[in-house]
Amino acid sequence: MKSRKVILPLVLAIASGAFLAAAQPQWGVQGALSVPTGDLSDSANLGISGGGNAKFDFGRGNGLMARGDLTFYGQKDGFSDSSAGVAADYTYHLDHRQRGIYFLGGLSVLDYRWSRSDGSNYDSSALGLDLGIGYDVDRHVGLQARYTAHSVSDSELDALNLGVTYTF
């Protein structure tokens, strides 16, 4: 299981390397409120997420946002939940200039952890899907609503992330 955590992201990175070489990244950070849904809402309250991103512009509205996130959820019923993830989201800006409204869809790898007040804990990884919509206010500031869906051990660990991005 641990080797899959390393191999899958490595294969994705190598496969996308030539594609990403065509554009220079714009680096940034993001923060979000993470609203747990599905089975995750049974063990977690509202969470806070933060991380970094790299945006690649391929022209005519097409782009890619690679990101890494850490999320910490509020405790609920003795559970303490958190996750770390990496993702690659295809973005399409309606105005074709990387401004205004855009749609996103992509894949993410999530490392999910929970611990309980009785000392038990759990750690697992999963490949998931991301769908969302965003609005780039200007060259630096953007708003985003992104739904992430991951299945871990027959549980649906889904979340709605309402966030802000800042590009340097």
Protein backbone atom coordinates (compact mmCIF):
# COMPACT_ATOMS: atom_id res chain seq x y z
CA MET A 1 0.00 0.00 0.00
CA LYS A 2 2.81 2.44 0.87
CA SER A 3 4.50 1.87 -2.51
CA ARG A 4 1.28 2.91 -4.25
CA LYS A 5 1.47 6.26 -2.43
CA VAL A 6 4.80 6.93 -4.14
CA ILE A 7 4.36 5.20 -7.51
CA LEU A 8 1.06 6.77 -8.60
CA PRO A 9 2.14 10.41 -8.10
CA LEU A 10 5.49 9.61 -9.75
CA VAL A 11 3.80 8.10 -12.83
CA LEU A 12 1.44 11.09 -13.07
CA ALA A 13 4.37 13.52 -12.79
CA ILE A 14 6.40 11.78 -15.49
CA ALA A 15 3.42 11.45 -17.84
CA SER A 16 2.58 15.13 -17.53
CA GLY A 17 6.19 16.39 -17.65
CA ALA A 18 6.37 17.01 -21.40
CA PHE A 19 2.97 18.70 -21.38
CA LEU A 20 3.91 20.99 -18.50
CA ALA A 21 7.25 21.91 -20.09
CA ALA A 22 5.31 23.92 -22.70
CA ALA A 23 4.23 26.60 -20.20
CA GLN A 24 5.84 28.53 -17.38
CA PRO A 25 4.04 28.11 -14.04
CA GLN A 26 2.55 30.94 -12.04
CA TRP A 27 3.03 30.07 -8.36
CA GLY A 28 0.46 30.74 -5.68
CA VAL A 29 -1.20 29.80 -2.42
CA GLN A 30 -4.76 28.92 -1.50
CA GLY A 31 -6.95 28.63 1.54
CA ALA A 32 -10.46 27.24 1.94
CA LEU A 33 -13.23 26.29 4.29
CA SER A 34 -13.82 22.55 3.84
CA VAL A 35 -17.39 21.38 4.41
CA PRO A 36 -17.44 17.58 4.96
CA THR A 37 -20.15 15.66 3.11
CA GLY A 38 -20.94 11.97 2.68
CA ASP A 39 -19.53 9.65 5.35
CA LEU A 40 -16.92 12.24 6.32
CA SER A 41 -19.66 14.39 7.85
CA ASP A 42 -20.28 11.60 10.41
CA SER A 43 -16.83 12.10 11.98
CA ALA A 44 -15.82 15.67 11.11
CA ASN A 45 -17.01 19.24 11.48
CA LEU A 46 -16.12 22.21 9.27
CA GLY A 47 -12.42 22.25 8.37
CA ILE A 48 -9.72 24.64 7.22
CA SER A 49 -7.53 23.86 4.24
CA GLY A 50 -4.37 25.54 2.99
CA GLY A 51 -1.61 24.88 0.50
CA GLY A 52 0.23 25.93 -2.61
CA ASN A 53 -0.41 25.74 -6.33
CA ALA A 54 1.15 26.15 -9.73
CA LYS A 55 -1.01 27.39 -12.63
CA PHE A 56 -0.04 26.56 -16.21
CA ASP A 57 -1.60 28.51 -19.10
CA PHE A 58 -1.76 26.59 -22.41
CA GLY A 59 -3.67 29.31 -24.28
CA ARG A 60 -7.24 29.68 -25.55
CA GLY A 61 -8.63 29.29 -22.04
CA ASN A 62 -6.98 25.92 -21.36
CA GLY A 63 -4.86 25.47 -18.26
CA LEU A 64 -3.79 23.20 -15.48
CA MET A 65 -3.65 23.86 -11.75
CA ALA A 66 -1.36 21.55 -9.81
CA ARG A 67 -1.88 21.89 -6.07
CA GLY A 68 -1.04 20.49 -2.68
CA ASP A 69 -3.34 20.89 0.32
CA LEU A 70 -3.44 20.17 4.04
CA THR A 71 -6.87 20.04 5.67
CA PHE A 72 -7.72 19.93 9.36
CA TYR A 73 -11.34 19.26 10.34
CA GLY A 74 -13.06 20.22 13.56
CA GLN A 75 -13.47 17.40 16.09
CA LYS A 76 -16.76 15.55 16.21
CA ASP A 77 -17.89 12.72 18.52
CA GLY A 78 -14.34 12.01 19.68
CA PHE A 79 -12.87 11.92 16.15
CA SER A 80 -10.02 14.13 14.93
CA ASP A 81 -9.75 14.08 11.11
CA SER A 82 -7.13 15.49 8.72
CA SER A 83 -5.91 14.94 5.18
CA ALA A 84 -3.02 15.79 2.89
CA GLY A 85 -3.47 15.73 -0.85
CA VAL A 86 -2.01 16.54 -4.24
CA ALA A 87 -4.04 17.19 -7.37
CA ALA A 88 -3.93 18.15 -11.02
CA ASP A 89 -7.03 20.01 -12.22
CA TYR A 90 -7.71 20.93 -15.85
CA THR A 91 -9.10 24.47 -16.01
CA TYR A 92 -11.07 26.14 -18.81
CA HIS A 93 -11.58 29.91 -18.68
CA LEU A 94 -14.61 31.10 -20.65
CA ASP A 95 -12.90 34.37 -21.66
CA HIS A 96 -9.85 32.47 -23.04
CA ARG A 97 -7.48 34.84 -21.16
CA GLN A 98 -7.16 33.15 -17.73
CA ARG A 99 -9.49 35.71 -16.14
CA GLY A 100 -13.12 35.61 -15.08
CA ILE A 101 -15.19 32.42 -14.79
CA TYR A 102 -13.57 29.02 -15.21
CA PHE A 103 -14.51 25.38 -14.76
CA LEU A 104 -12.21 22.72 -13.37
CA GLY A 105 -12.05 18.96 -13.24
CA GLY A 106 -9.24 16.69 -12.23
CA LEU A 107 -7.73 13.93 -10.15
CA SER A 108 -6.37 14.03 -6.63
CA VAL A 109 -4.50 11.66 -4.35
CA LEU A 110 -5.57 11.98 -0.72
CA ASP A 111 -3.85 10.66 2.41
CA TYR A 112 -6.63 10.59 5.00
CA ARG A 113 -6.05 10.20 8.76
CA TRP A 114 -8.28 10.10 11.77
CA SER A 115 -7.73 9.40 15.42
CA ARG A 116 -10.21 8.84 18.16
CA SER A 117 -10.18 9.88 21.80
CA ASP A 118 -9.88 6.19 22.83
CA GLY A 119 -6.43 6.05 21.15
CA SER A 120 -7.43 4.22 17.94
CA ASN A 121 -6.33 5.68 14.62
CA TYR A 122 -6.58 5.09 10.88
CA ASP A 123 -4.51 6.08 7.84
CA SER A 124 -5.34 5.38 4.19
CA SER A 125 -4.80 6.78 0.69
CA ALA A 126 -7.23 7.13 -2.19
CA LEU A 127 -7.47 8.45 -5.73
CA GLY A 128 -10.40 10.81 -6.21
CA LEU A 129 -12.16 13.27 -8.50
CA ASP A 130 -12.42 17.06 -8.29
CA LEU A 131 -15.07 19.22 -9.97
CA GLY A 132 -15.61 22.91 -9.53
CA ILE A 133 -16.07 26.45 -10.70
CA GLY A 134 -13.97 29.50 -10.05
CA TYR A 135 -13.64 33.18 -10.78
CA ASP A 136 -10.30 34.94 -11.24
CA VAL A 137 -10.95 38.51 -10.09
CA ASP A 138 -7.63 39.75 -11.48
CA ARG A 139 -4.11 38.46 -12.14
CA HIS A 140 -3.59 37.71 -8.43
CA VAL A 141 -6.88 36.93 -6.64
CA GLY A 142 -9.36 34.17 -7.39
CA LEU A 143 -12.39 32.52 -5.79
CA GLN A 144 -13.18 28.84 -6.09
CA ALA A 145 -15.82 26.26 -5.16
CA ARG A 146 -14.49 22.71 -5.57
CA TYR A 147 -16.14 19.38 -4.73
CA THR A 148 -13.78 16.49 -4.01
CA ALA A 149 -14.87 12.85 -3.87
CA HIS A 150 -12.74 9.99 -2.49
CA SER A 151 -13.70 6.43 -1.54
CA VAL A 152 -11.65 4.96 1.31
CA SER A 153 -12.49 1.52 2.73
CA ASP A 154 -16.15 1.67 1.64
CA SER A 155 -16.54 5.20 3.02
CA GLU A 156 -17.24 8.31 0.94
CA LEU A 157 -14.89 11.05 2.15
CA ASP A 158 -16.28 13.94 0.14
CA ALA A 159 -15.97 17.66 0.81
CA LEU A 160 -17.08 20.99 -0.62
CA ASN A 161 -14.16 23.45 -0.53
CA LEU A 162 -14.94 27.17 -0.67
CA GLY A 163 -11.69 28.99 -1.14
CA VAL A 164 -9.52 31.86 -2.22
CA THR A 165 -6.38 31.66 -4.36
CA TYR A 166 -3.54 34.14 -4.60
CA THR A 167 -1.04 34.04 -7.47
CA PHE A 168 2.32 35.81 -7.10
